[in-house]
Amino acid sequence: MPKTWLITGATSGLGLEMAQQLLAEGHTVIATARRPEALAELSQRHPVRLNVVHLDLLEPDSIISAIESAFERHERIDVVVSNAGYGLFGAAEELSNAQIDRQIATNLVGSIHLIRAALPYLRKQGGGRIVQVSSEGGQIAYPGFSLYHAAKWGIEGFVESVAQEVAPFGIDFIIAEPGPTGTNFGANLDLAEASPAYDETPAGAVRRAISDGSFGIKGDPAR
């Protein structure tokens, strides 16, 4: 039975792959993006069942507006996919204050605001599902990804708690934890300025592996 899905970060990676597969299967997709024009081609191919909405996780008002307009336009939204985010790489002391603040604001605080904005509408309609895209980095840690892990571990703890709060309203959660997957994650990494002090440490080795392409990526995003 066709459903209506709202997906954040739908312009690339897992978000785009999910949107394309769902549309091909006959579902309706509300795709959110910081740059809606990036989905122009997909919109032309699916003018009826694809609704593109501007949403920036760094702007709480943008999140509230996007969720409100989506639920007003569609009679019911069955699944909300909190997918938007990015990676930050660098040993902890290499990271700038601005990089730290932006990573937490996007991957953790932005996702929290999104979920909180959706809950009243899901509760009013009698239930629904929220899929939080985390990663294996929400359970294990690699050197150089400390702030990324902090955000992922944080959002998983938030979801585990909220899931218990809203279960009586028919709202459930799924946490998706993919490992390294063939998306643009690596290309979109925010890299800290390297310090020579870390060249011969595990963080330095991971940095070189990312740079020369030897960092193991086995996951198939389409699967």
Protein backbone atom coordinates (compact mmCIF):
# COMPACT_ATOMS: atom_id res chain seq x y z
CA MET A 1 0.00 0.00 0.00
CA PRO A 2 1.50 3.37 -1.01
CA LYS A 3 2.58 5.57 1.85
CA THR A 4 3.76 9.14 2.30
CA TRP A 5 7.36 9.63 3.40
CA LEU A 6 9.21 12.76 4.49
CA ILE A 7 12.99 12.53 4.01
CA THR A 8 15.54 15.12 5.10
CA GLY A 9 18.83 15.49 3.24
CA ALA A 10 17.32 14.08 0.06
CA THR A 11 19.70 15.64 -2.46
CA SER A 12 22.46 13.03 -2.17
CA GLY A 13 23.58 9.79 -0.61
CA LEU A 14 21.13 7.58 1.22
CA GLY A 15 18.41 10.25 1.21
CA LEU A 16 18.40 10.54 -2.58
CA GLU A 17 18.62 6.79 -3.07
CA MET A 18 15.69 6.26 -0.72
CA ALA A 19 13.58 8.94 -2.43
CA GLN A 20 14.23 7.44 -5.87
CA GLN A 21 13.37 3.92 -4.78
CA LEU A 22 10.20 4.97 -2.99
CA LEU A 23 8.97 7.02 -5.95
CA ALA A 24 9.66 4.10 -8.28
CA GLU A 25 7.52 1.91 -6.02
CA GLY A 26 4.58 4.33 -6.15
CA HIS A 27 4.96 6.08 -2.81
CA THR A 28 4.63 9.82 -2.20
CA VAL A 29 7.79 11.60 -1.05
CA ILE A 30 8.29 14.95 0.64
CA ALA A 31 11.98 15.60 0.04
CA THR A 32 13.62 18.32 2.11
CA ALA A 33 16.85 20.05 1.20
CA ARG A 34 18.91 23.14 1.93
CA ARG A 35 19.11 23.61 -1.85
CA PRO A 36 15.76 22.53 -3.32
CA GLU A 37 16.96 23.33 -6.85
CA ALA A 38 19.25 20.28 -6.62
CA LEU A 39 16.13 18.11 -6.93
CA ALA A 40 14.77 19.85 -10.04
CA GLU A 41 15.40 16.88 -12.34
CA LEU A 42 13.76 14.41 -9.97
CA SER A 43 10.81 16.78 -9.60
CA GLN A 44 10.34 16.87 -13.36
CA ARG A 45 10.21 13.07 -13.46
CA HIS A 46 7.72 12.87 -10.56
CA PRO A 47 5.63 16.05 -10.68
CA VAL A 48 2.69 14.59 -8.74
CA ARG A 49 4.16 12.37 -6.04
CA LEU A 50 7.27 14.39 -5.17
CA ASN A 51 7.03 17.51 -3.04
CA VAL A 52 10.31 19.38 -2.46
CA VAL A 53 10.55 21.55 0.66
CA HIS A 54 13.32 23.82 1.92
CA LEU A 55 14.73 22.79 5.29
CA ASP A 56 18.01 23.72 6.98
CA LEU A 57 18.87 21.86 10.18
CA LEU A 58 20.85 24.86 11.39
CA GLU A 59 17.70 27.00 11.37
CA PRO A 60 15.02 25.79 13.85
CA ASP A 61 12.40 28.07 12.27
CA SER A 62 13.10 26.43 8.91
CA ILE A 63 12.48 23.01 10.44
CA ILE A 64 9.19 24.05 12.02
CA SER A 65 8.01 25.71 8.81
CA ALA A 66 8.90 22.71 6.65
CA ILE A 67 7.17 20.22 8.94
CA GLU A 68 4.09 22.40 9.28
CA SER A 69 3.70 22.91 5.52
CA ALA A 70 4.27 19.21 4.81
CA PHE A 71 1.58 18.05 7.22
CA GLU A 72 -0.82 20.75 6.02
CA ARG A 73 -0.40 19.68 2.39
CA HIS A 74 -0.67 15.93 2.99
CA GLU A 75 -3.53 14.26 4.78
CA ARG A 76 -1.12 11.88 6.49
CA ILE A 77 2.64 11.36 6.64
CA ASP A 78 3.40 7.76 7.50
CA VAL A 79 7.18 7.89 7.88
CA VAL A 80 9.57 10.72 8.77
CA VAL A 81 13.19 9.94 7.88
CA SER A 82 15.75 12.02 9.76
CA ASN A 83 18.67 11.54 7.38
CA ALA A 84 20.37 14.92 6.85
CA GLY A 85 23.85 15.32 8.27
CA TYR A 86 27.53 15.22 7.39
CA GLY A 87 30.87 13.97 8.66
CA LEU A 88 33.61 15.86 10.47
CA PHE A 89 37.13 14.45 10.62
CA GLY A 90 40.09 15.47 12.74
CA ALA A 91 41.78 14.63 16.01
CA ALA A 92 39.91 16.36 18.81
CA GLU A 93 42.52 19.05 19.36
CA GLU A 94 42.80 19.73 15.62
CA LEU A 95 39.13 20.73 15.39
CA SER A 96 38.13 24.38 15.51
CA ASN A 97 35.41 25.65 17.82
CA ALA A 98 33.30 26.52 14.77
CA GLN A 99 33.63 23.00 13.35
CA ILE A 100 32.61 21.46 16.67
CA ASP A 101 29.61 23.75 17.08
CA ARG A 102 28.38 23.17 13.52
CA GLN A 103 28.71 19.38 13.77
CA ILE A 104 26.71 19.18 16.99
CA ALA A 105 24.17 21.76 15.77
CA THR A 106 23.53 19.81 12.57
CA ASN A 107 23.83 16.12 13.39
CA LEU A 108 22.49 16.24 16.95
CA VAL A 109 20.54 19.39 17.78
CA GLY A 110 19.04 19.71 14.28
CA SER A 111 17.84 16.12 14.35
CA ILE A 112 16.35 16.67 17.81
CA HIS A 113 14.46 19.75 16.59
CA LEU A 114 13.17 17.79 13.58
CA ILE A 115 11.83 14.94 15.68
CA ARG A 116 10.26 17.28 18.21
CA ALA A 117 8.57 19.26 15.42
CA ALA A 118 7.07 16.11 13.89
CA LEU A 119 5.76 14.51 17.07
CA PRO A 120 2.63 16.66 17.61
CA TYR A 121 1.45 15.97 14.06
CA LEU A 122 2.13 12.23 14.27
CA ARG A 123 0.35 12.10 17.61
CA LYS A 124 -2.65 14.00 16.21
CA GLN A 125 -2.98 11.66 13.23
CA GLY A 126 -2.89 8.61 15.48
CA GLY A 127 0.64 7.36 14.95
CA GLY A 128 3.46 6.96 12.48
CA ARG A 129 7.11 6.05 12.28
CA ILE A 130 10.35 8.01 12.58
CA VAL A 131 13.51 6.56 11.06
CA GLN A 132 16.68 8.10 12.46
CA VAL A 133 19.67 7.52 10.21
CA SER A 134 22.65 7.08 12.49
CA SER A 135 25.63 4.89 11.59
CA GLU A 136 27.78 2.15 13.04
CA GLY A 137 29.51 5.19 14.50
CA GLY A 138 26.64 5.34 16.97
CA GLN A 139 27.95 2.13 18.54
CA ILE A 140 31.71 2.00 17.84
CA ALA A 141 34.38 4.66 17.43
CA TYR A 142 37.21 5.39 15.00
CA PRO A 143 40.10 7.79 15.70
CA GLY A 144 39.54 11.17 14.11
CA PHE A 145 35.74 11.05 14.22
CA SER A 146 35.22 11.99 17.87
CA LEU A 147 32.67 14.75 17.26
CA TYR A 148 30.80 12.72 14.65
CA HIS A 149 30.56 9.89 17.18
CA ALA A 150 29.49 12.29 19.92
CA ALA A 151 26.58 13.45 17.75
CA LYS A 152 25.56 9.93 16.71
CA TRP A 153 25.76 8.48 20.21
CA GLY A 154 23.80 11.50 21.41
CA ILE A 155 20.97 11.19 18.89
CA GLU A 156 20.67 7.47 19.56
CA GLY A 157 20.27 8.11 23.29
CA PHE A 158 17.66 10.77 22.56
CA VAL A 159 15.70 8.44 20.29
CA GLU A 160 15.85 5.52 22.75
CA SER A 161 14.25 7.73 25.39
CA VAL A 162 11.67 9.47 23.20
CA ALA A 163 10.56 6.15 21.70
CA GLN A 164 9.38 5.11 25.15
CA GLU A 165 7.59 8.42 25.68
CA VAL A 166 5.51 8.29 22.50
CA ALA A 167 4.85 4.56 22.10
CA PRO A 168 1.40 4.97 23.71
CA PHE A 169 0.45 7.29 20.82
CA GLY A 170 1.25 4.70 18.15
CA ILE A 171 4.53 6.36 17.17
CA ASP A 172 7.53 4.09 16.78
CA PHE A 173 11.19 4.58 15.88
CA ILE A 174 13.83 2.79 13.86
CA ILE A 175 17.53 3.64 14.22
CA ALA A 176 19.44 2.76 11.04
CA GLU A 177 23.16 2.13 11.57
CA PRO A 178 24.88 1.59 8.20
CA GLY A 179 28.61 1.02 8.09
CA PRO A 180 30.90 2.75 5.56
CA THR A 181 28.74 3.00 2.45
CA GLY A 182 29.38 4.11 -1.12
CA THR A 183 27.80 7.54 -0.90
CA ASN A 184 29.36 11.00 -1.07
CA PHE A 185 30.04 10.93 2.68
CA GLY A 186 33.81 10.99 2.23
CA ALA A 187 33.73 13.68 -0.44
CA ASN A 188 31.60 15.88 1.80
CA LEU A 189 33.72 15.46 4.93
CA ASP A 190 34.62 18.60 6.82
CA LEU A 191 38.34 18.14 7.47
CA ALA A 192 40.20 19.81 10.32
CA GLU A 193 43.57 21.35 9.59
CA ALA A 194 46.10 18.58 10.14
CA SER A 195 48.65 18.87 12.91
CA PRO A 196 52.06 17.22 12.28
CA ALA A 197 51.92 15.91 15.85
CA TYR A 198 49.28 13.40 14.75
CA ASP A 199 50.96 12.20 11.54
CA GLU A 200 52.13 8.90 13.03
CA THR A 201 49.09 8.23 15.21
CA PRO A 202 45.93 6.21 14.43
CA ALA A 203 44.16 9.48 13.51
CA GLY A 204 46.92 10.26 11.02
CA ALA A 205 46.63 6.78 9.50
CA VAL A 206 42.87 7.17 9.03
CA ARG A 207 43.40 10.59 7.47
CA ARG A 208 45.81 9.09 4.91
CA ALA A 209 43.39 6.25 4.18
CA ILE A 210 40.60 8.74 3.51
CA SER A 211 42.91 10.84 1.33
CA ASP A 212 44.26 7.98 -0.81
CA GLY A 213 40.95 6.10 -1.06
CA SER A 214 42.06 3.03 0.88
CA PHE A 215 39.56 3.53 3.71
CA GLY A 216 37.32 0.48 3.45
CA ILE A 217 33.87 1.19 1.98
CA LYS A 218 31.82 -1.95 1.51
CA GLY A 219 28.20 -0.85 1.90
CA ASP A 220 25.87 -0.66 -1.09
CA PRO A 221 23.58 2.38 -0.72
CA ALA A 222 20.95 0.94 -3.07
CA ARG A 223 20.71 -2.21 -0.96
